[in-house]
Structures are given as structure tokens and as C-alpha cells.
Amino acid sequence: MSRIAVIGLGIMGLPMAVNLVKAGHDVVGFNRSQDKIDKLVSAGGTGAADVAEAVKDAEIILTMVPDSPDVEAVVLGEEGVFANAKSGAYWVDASTIRPDVSVRLAATAAEAGVKALDAPVSGGEQGAIEGSLSIMVGGAAEDFEAVRPALEAVGGTIVHVGPAGSGQTVKAANQLIVAGTIQLVAEALVFLEAHSVDTEAAIRVLAGGLAGNRILDRKAASMAARTFEPGFRVDLHHKDLGIVTAAAREAGVAIPLGALTAQLMGSLRAQGHGSLDHSALLILVEQLSGRASR
């Protein structure tokens, strides 16, 4: 079992840290808000006063924070991960950030004697709680194998996808697919309701056919009920789609449907819905259809 530091105990980071504790690892966590640290401690982990204290004795350092600047703030500087981690420690960044930033930080980590892996996750809050996340890992293959036992405590599908930055590139593709699927499910639900179809029955049969997907399985019922408690916030998916569109432009790849969905997500956020679950794209479909939300 390993001593693991978890930096960032939010919607995803806290359940991941708890699952690492359940797997028998020695877990120390840090978060800007004390209540999240207290929850980890009550689950059997240990709290730290700052990043430096959390990482000083850790063999594996897992970061799970919202965006590229947040990762940079955590790992760089005198109080950051690189300056305080012991030589040979593994840094596993489970955040979703720009691939180019991930590549640059991996090089900086190597200069500090830290082995870097970008390991963004998919599966949402429920996947984090269940320990069934899909984890796409970029970095050296031997470093991936070294941390795999720890990742198995939080993920069900764990795949090494290439060198540094590759995990973030695959995650960008993941977010492209998820956003587009949510948008289509939202359109289908409003379409079904407009024709007075039994929505619950429709969801059940659609989920069993070629149209079946995880969004139908996990979010369609709450979407139909207009319950948008955040498993993954609009704010974060808006950020991720910005990463996707920028990376697509850099590579010269056309993503017309993805670009449109990014605009819709941005519009939803601009209307003040950034704190809702990304499935709240349904709200926008209703507005465009001239139908009042139920």
C-alpha cells in the first residue's frame, strides 16, 4: 500500500480519496475548505495544513482541481508540489486541463525529480463514488504501471494512451462526445414530451437499442424531472469545450457539431446556469422550442 497525497477534495476528489482509503492506502488530503478535509478525516484519511505538508512524504501525489491555472498554482512555486515532493515521487494529475500545459508541466516535474502522469477521469460524481471511473493516462509506460494499483482503487477502466499530454487529449475527445450526447438526449426528451409520449417508457426502450448510451442510463430520468443537481457543472464543461475547440483548431480539425454544442453550453452558462449539472442543456432546448420548463 502507498502513502498518497490528494490535493483537491471537491465533487470528484473527495470520493476518490475515500476509495483510496478503503483500498488500504495511507491517504493525506488538502483542500482550500476545511470541511472537505474533515470529511476525509472522518473516512479514515489524514488532513494537511497546506500542499507542502500533504506531499512531503507521499509516494504518489494526486491532484484534482478545476483548470490549468489551478494546477499550475498547486504544483509550481516554493509551496507547490514540485518544490516539496520527495525525489522519485509520482505526480498523477486527474484534473482536466489543456494538453499543452500538461506537457509543459510534465517537463518541469522531471527537472524536479518528480515522475508525471496526466490521468483525467470520466464517469462523473457517481463514478467517483462507485470507484468505476474511466481513466485515460499519458506519460511513461513504466510510471503508469507503477501507479496502476492505486488507480485501480478509483477506476474501472484504466488505459495508458501515450506520452505526456495524451491523457488530456483523450479526455478532450471524451468531453466532446459527452456534451454532444447530452444535447441530443435533451432534444429527444423535449421532442417526446411535445408529442405527449410516456417519457419514462420511451427512455427505457431507447436505452435498450442502438440509441442506448450512458447519458440515457444515468441522466435522462433526472433531466425529464428537471432535476439538475450537479454531478458535473456547466461551468466545468464550458471550460472543457474551450479546450476541445482550441485543440481542434490547432490541429486543423473541423468539429461543427462540437462547436455548436460549445456555443450552447456557453449560452446556458451566460444565462446564469453555470452551477447546474451539464444536463441542464435541456433548459436551452425548451427555450429554443418556445416551451416553458416544467
Protein backbone atom coordinates (compact mmCIF):
# COMPACT_ATOMS: atom_id res chain seq x y z
CA MET A 1 0.00 0.00 0.00
CA SER A 2 1.17 3.53 -0.76
CA ARG A 3 1.19 6.88 1.02
CA ILE A 4 -0.91 9.06 -1.26
CA ALA A 5 -1.49 12.80 -1.10
CA VAL A 6 -4.72 14.05 -2.66
CA ILE A 7 -4.86 17.75 -3.47
CA GLY A 8 -8.38 18.94 -4.24
CA LEU A 9 -11.25 17.32 -2.35
CA GLY A 10 -14.20 18.51 -4.40
CA ILE A 11 -17.08 16.64 -6.02
CA MET A 12 -14.65 14.19 -7.63
CA GLY A 13 -11.54 14.39 -5.46
CA LEU A 14 -13.16 13.58 -2.13
CA PRO A 15 -14.83 10.30 -3.15
CA MET A 16 -11.65 9.29 -4.97
CA ALA A 17 -9.64 9.92 -1.79
CA VAL A 18 -12.17 7.97 0.26
CA ASN A 19 -11.92 5.00 -2.10
CA LEU A 20 -8.13 5.08 -1.78
CA VAL A 21 -8.56 4.90 2.00
CA LYS A 22 -10.98 1.96 1.63
CA ALA A 23 -8.38 0.18 -0.52
CA GLY A 24 -5.92 0.38 2.37
CA HIS A 25 -3.73 3.26 1.26
CA ASP A 26 -2.40 5.87 3.69
CA VAL A 27 -4.14 8.99 2.37
CA VAL A 28 -3.44 12.59 3.35
CA GLY A 29 -5.57 15.31 1.79
CA PHE A 30 -5.58 19.05 1.37
CA ASN A 31 -8.35 21.35 0.20
CA ARG A 32 -8.92 25.09 0.45
CA SER A 33 -12.09 24.48 2.50
CA GLN A 34 -11.63 22.74 5.85
CA ASP A 35 -14.99 20.94 5.79
CA LYS A 36 -13.82 18.72 2.90
CA ILE A 37 -10.65 17.83 4.80
CA ASP A 38 -12.80 16.96 7.82
CA LYS A 39 -14.88 14.59 5.67
CA LEU A 40 -11.75 12.78 4.53
CA VAL A 41 -10.52 12.50 8.12
CA SER A 42 -13.88 11.06 9.20
CA ALA A 43 -13.47 8.43 6.46
CA GLY A 44 -10.08 7.37 7.80
CA GLY A 45 -7.70 9.71 6.00
CA THR A 46 -5.43 12.45 7.34
CA GLY A 47 -5.65 16.18 6.79
CA ALA A 48 -2.83 18.57 5.93
CA ALA A 49 -2.49 22.30 6.55
CA ASP A 50 -1.14 23.04 3.07
CA VAL A 51 0.16 21.46 -0.12
CA ALA A 52 3.74 21.27 1.13
CA GLU A 53 2.74 19.31 4.22
CA ALA A 54 0.49 16.99 2.24
CA VAL A 55 3.12 15.94 -0.29
CA LYS A 56 6.36 15.85 1.70
CA ASP A 57 6.26 12.10 2.46
CA ALA A 58 3.96 10.94 -0.32
CA GLU A 59 4.92 8.29 -2.85
CA ILE A 60 2.02 9.27 -5.11
CA ILE A 61 0.53 12.76 -5.38
CA LEU A 62 -2.93 13.01 -6.94
CA THR A 63 -4.23 16.43 -7.96
CA MET A 64 -7.88 17.06 -8.83
CA VAL A 65 -8.55 20.77 -9.36
CA PRO A 66 -10.72 22.65 -11.87
CA ASP A 67 -8.49 24.17 -14.57
CA SER A 68 -4.99 24.69 -15.97
CA PRO A 69 -4.19 27.78 -13.81
CA ASP A 70 -5.32 25.88 -10.71
CA VAL A 71 -2.97 23.01 -11.47
CA GLU A 72 -0.10 25.42 -12.06
CA ALA A 73 -0.84 27.16 -8.75
CA VAL A 74 -0.75 23.84 -6.90
CA VAL A 75 2.44 22.40 -8.41
CA LEU A 76 4.66 25.43 -9.01
CA GLY A 77 6.31 27.82 -6.55
CA GLU A 78 8.01 27.39 -3.19
CA GLU A 79 4.91 25.95 -1.54
CA GLY A 80 3.94 23.76 -4.50
CA VAL A 81 4.16 20.07 -5.25
CA PHE A 82 7.42 20.11 -7.21
CA ALA A 83 9.37 22.04 -4.58
CA ASN A 84 8.21 19.83 -1.71
CA ALA A 85 7.72 16.31 -3.09
CA LYS A 86 10.47 13.81 -2.44
CA SER A 87 12.62 12.77 -5.37
CA GLY A 88 11.11 9.87 -7.29
CA ALA A 89 7.53 10.59 -6.25
CA TYR A 90 4.78 10.13 -8.83
CA TRP A 91 2.53 13.06 -9.66
CA VAL A 92 -0.81 11.96 -11.12
CA ASP A 93 -2.90 14.87 -12.36
CA ALA A 94 -6.54 13.79 -12.59
CA SER A 95 -7.69 17.32 -13.45
CA THR A 96 -8.92 18.15 -16.93
CA ILE A 97 -6.60 20.78 -18.40
CA ARG A 98 -5.06 21.86 -21.71
CA PRO A 99 -2.83 19.17 -23.25
CA ASP A 100 -0.03 21.66 -23.94
CA VAL A 101 0.01 22.75 -20.29
CA SER A 102 0.16 19.11 -19.23
CA VAL A 103 3.18 18.50 -21.48
CA ARG A 104 4.96 21.58 -20.17
CA LEU A 105 4.31 20.71 -16.51
CA ALA A 106 5.49 17.13 -17.06
CA ALA A 107 8.84 18.51 -18.25
CA THR A 108 9.05 20.81 -15.23
CA ALA A 109 8.23 17.88 -12.94
CA ALA A 110 11.05 15.83 -14.44
CA GLU A 111 13.50 18.64 -13.69
CA ALA A 112 12.37 18.47 -10.05
CA GLY A 113 12.82 14.69 -9.90
CA VAL A 114 9.08 14.01 -9.98
CA LYS A 115 7.53 11.48 -12.40
CA ALA A 116 4.45 12.99 -14.04
CA LEU A 117 1.35 11.34 -15.42
CA ASP A 118 -1.73 13.11 -16.77
CA ALA A 119 -4.70 10.95 -15.81
CA PRO A 120 -8.01 12.75 -16.34
CA VAL A 121 -11.13 10.79 -15.48
CA SER A 122 -14.63 10.30 -16.84
CA GLY A 123 -17.70 8.99 -15.08
CA GLY A 124 -18.90 11.94 -13.05
CA GLU A 125 -19.60 12.10 -9.35
CA GLN A 126 -21.38 8.74 -9.33
CA GLY A 127 -18.42 7.05 -10.99
CA ALA A 128 -16.09 8.63 -8.43
CA ILE A 129 -18.27 7.36 -5.57
CA GLU A 130 -18.51 3.87 -7.07
CA GLY A 131 -14.79 3.72 -7.92
CA SER A 132 -15.74 2.92 -11.51
CA LEU A 133 -14.17 5.87 -13.31
CA SER A 134 -12.65 5.60 -16.77
CA ILE A 135 -9.06 6.87 -16.54
CA MET A 136 -7.01 7.84 -19.60
CA VAL A 137 -3.33 8.10 -18.72
CA GLY A 138 -0.50 9.89 -20.50
CA GLY A 139 3.16 9.55 -19.55
CA ALA A 140 5.89 6.92 -19.42
CA ALA A 141 4.58 3.34 -19.59
CA GLU A 142 6.73 2.22 -16.64
CA ASP A 143 5.41 5.06 -14.48
CA PHE A 144 1.87 4.09 -15.43
CA GLU A 145 2.47 0.52 -14.29
CA ALA A 146 3.91 1.77 -11.01
CA VAL A 147 0.78 3.74 -10.09
CA ARG A 148 -1.76 1.36 -11.60
CA PRO A 149 -2.54 -0.38 -8.25
CA ALA A 150 -3.57 2.97 -6.78
CA LEU A 151 -5.63 3.90 -9.83
CA GLU A 152 -7.47 0.58 -9.59
CA ALA A 153 -8.97 1.81 -6.30
CA VAL A 154 -10.76 4.64 -8.11
CA GLY A 155 -11.29 3.39 -11.65
CA GLY A 156 -12.82 0.51 -13.56
CA THR A 157 -11.32 1.22 -16.99
CA ILE A 158 -7.69 2.34 -16.79
CA VAL A 159 -5.77 2.70 -20.04
CA HIS A 160 -2.35 4.06 -20.91
CA VAL A 161 -2.96 6.12 -24.06
CA GLY A 162 0.50 7.51 -24.86
CA PRO A 163 3.16 10.02 -23.78
CA ALA A 164 2.65 13.14 -21.65
CA GLY A 165 -0.44 15.10 -22.67
CA SER A 166 -2.13 12.15 -24.35
CA GLY A 167 -4.48 11.59 -21.43
CA GLN A 168 -5.68 15.19 -21.68
CA THR A 169 -6.18 14.87 -25.44
CA VAL A 170 -8.31 11.76 -25.00
CA LYS A 171 -10.27 13.49 -22.23
CA ALA A 172 -10.97 16.38 -24.59
CA ALA A 173 -12.44 13.89 -27.06
CA ASN A 174 -14.46 12.39 -24.21
CA GLN A 175 -15.93 15.77 -23.31
CA LEU A 176 -16.78 16.42 -26.93
CA ILE A 177 -18.77 13.18 -27.12
CA VAL A 178 -20.46 13.66 -23.74
CA ALA A 179 -21.61 17.21 -24.50
CA GLY A 180 -22.96 16.23 -27.91
CA THR A 181 -24.79 13.24 -26.44
CA ILE A 182 -26.37 15.30 -23.66
CA GLN A 183 -27.58 17.81 -26.24
CA LEU A 184 -29.18 15.07 -28.37
CA VAL A 185 -30.81 13.42 -25.35
CA ALA A 186 -32.18 16.82 -24.31
CA GLU A 187 -33.62 17.38 -27.79
CA ALA A 188 -35.13 13.89 -27.82
CA LEU A 189 -36.82 14.40 -24.44
CA VAL A 190 -38.38 17.72 -25.44
CA PHE A 191 -39.47 16.15 -28.74
CA LEU A 192 -41.10 13.20 -26.95
CA GLU A 193 -42.90 15.44 -24.48
CA ALA A 194 -44.22 17.64 -27.28
CA HIS A 195 -45.93 14.53 -28.68
CA SER A 196 -47.26 13.51 -25.23
CA VAL A 197 -45.34 10.22 -25.25
CA ASP A 198 -44.80 8.32 -21.98
CA THR A 199 -41.27 9.62 -21.41
CA GLU A 200 -40.29 7.00 -18.84
CA ALA A 201 -41.29 4.19 -21.19
CA ALA A 202 -39.54 5.87 -24.10
CA ILE A 203 -36.29 6.21 -22.14
CA ARG A 204 -36.45 2.53 -21.22
CA VAL A 205 -36.84 1.27 -24.77
CA LEU A 206 -34.35 3.74 -26.25
CA ALA A 207 -31.74 2.70 -23.71
CA GLY A 208 -32.09 -0.92 -24.84
CA GLY A 209 -31.50 -0.24 -28.53
CA LEU A 210 -28.83 1.30 -30.73
CA ALA A 211 -29.56 4.70 -29.20
CA GLY A 212 -28.56 3.37 -25.79
CA ASN A 213 -25.83 5.35 -24.01
CA ARG A 214 -24.62 6.31 -20.53
CA ILE A 215 -26.44 9.65 -20.64
CA LEU A 216 -29.76 7.87 -21.11
CA ASP A 217 -28.85 5.44 -18.34
CA ARG A 218 -27.62 7.97 -15.79
CA LYS A 219 -29.17 11.33 -16.60
CA ALA A 220 -32.33 11.01 -18.70
CA ALA A 221 -34.65 10.40 -15.73
CA SER A 222 -33.36 13.44 -13.82
CA MET A 223 -33.49 15.52 -17.00
CA ALA A 224 -37.12 14.54 -17.53
CA ALA A 225 -37.82 15.51 -13.91
CA ARG A 226 -35.96 18.83 -14.39
CA THR A 227 -33.56 17.96 -11.59
CA PHE A 228 -30.14 19.35 -12.34
CA GLU A 229 -28.16 18.75 -9.16
CA PRO A 230 -24.53 18.99 -10.26
CA GLY A 231 -22.64 15.80 -10.89
CA PHE A 232 -20.58 17.80 -13.38
CA ARG A 233 -21.22 21.53 -13.56
CA VAL A 234 -21.97 23.56 -16.68
CA ASP A 235 -19.06 25.85 -15.71
CA LEU A 236 -16.59 22.96 -15.96
CA HIS A 237 -17.96 21.53 -19.18
CA HIS A 238 -17.87 25.01 -20.70
CA LYS A 239 -14.18 25.15 -19.77
CA ASP A 240 -13.57 21.69 -21.25
CA LEU A 241 -15.26 22.55 -24.53
CA GLY A 242 -12.99 25.58 -24.75
CA ILE A 243 -10.06 23.16 -24.54
CA VAL A 244 -11.62 20.98 -27.25
CA THR A 245 -12.30 23.79 -29.71
CA ALA A 246 -8.83 25.32 -29.23
CA ALA A 247 -7.10 21.96 -29.68
CA ALA A 248 -9.20 21.17 -32.75
CA ARG A 249 -8.30 24.50 -34.34
CA GLU A 250 -4.61 23.93 -33.56
CA ALA A 251 -4.76 20.53 -35.27
CA GLY A 252 -6.82 21.83 -38.22
CA VAL A 253 -9.75 19.52 -37.41
CA ALA A 254 -13.36 20.54 -38.11
CA ILE A 255 -15.82 19.82 -35.27
CA PRO A 256 -19.03 21.51 -36.48
CA LEU A 257 -21.40 19.73 -34.09
CA GLY A 258 -18.96 20.10 -31.22
CA ALA A 259 -18.50 23.80 -31.90
CA LEU A 260 -22.28 24.32 -31.91
CA THR A 261 -22.64 22.42 -28.65
CA ALA A 262 -19.86 24.53 -27.16
CA GLN A 263 -21.83 27.65 -28.10
CA LEU A 264 -24.98 26.23 -26.50
CA MET A 265 -23.09 25.36 -23.31
CA GLY A 266 -21.65 28.88 -23.24
CA SER A 267 -25.11 30.38 -23.70
CA LEU A 268 -26.51 28.29 -20.85
CA ARG A 269 -23.68 29.50 -18.62
CA ALA A 270 -24.20 33.12 -19.66
CA GLN A 271 -27.82 32.84 -18.52
CA GLY A 272 -26.61 32.10 -15.00
CA HIS A 273 -26.86 28.31 -15.02
CA GLY A 274 -23.16 27.57 -14.58
CA SER A 275 -23.65 25.83 -11.24
CA LEU A 276 -26.21 23.34 -12.62
CA ASP A 277 -25.41 19.90 -13.97
CA HIS A 278 -24.42 19.91 -17.65
CA SER A 279 -27.63 18.02 -18.41
CA ALA A 280 -29.34 21.40 -17.94
CA LEU A 281 -28.78 21.86 -21.69
CA LEU A 282 -32.41 20.72 -21.69
CA ILE A 283 -33.37 24.20 -20.45
CA LEU A 284 -31.93 25.74 -23.60
CA VAL A 285 -33.73 23.28 -25.89
CA GLU A 286 -37.02 24.23 -24.23
CA GLN A 287 -36.31 27.93 -24.70
CA LEU A 288 -35.44 27.46 -28.38
CA SER A 289 -38.66 25.44 -28.78
CA GLY A 290 -40.81 28.10 -27.13
CA ARG A 291 -41.81 25.68 -24.40
CA ALA A 292 -41.84 26.67 -20.73
CA SER A 293 -39.79 24.46 -18.42
CA ARG A 294 -41.95 22.12 -16.38
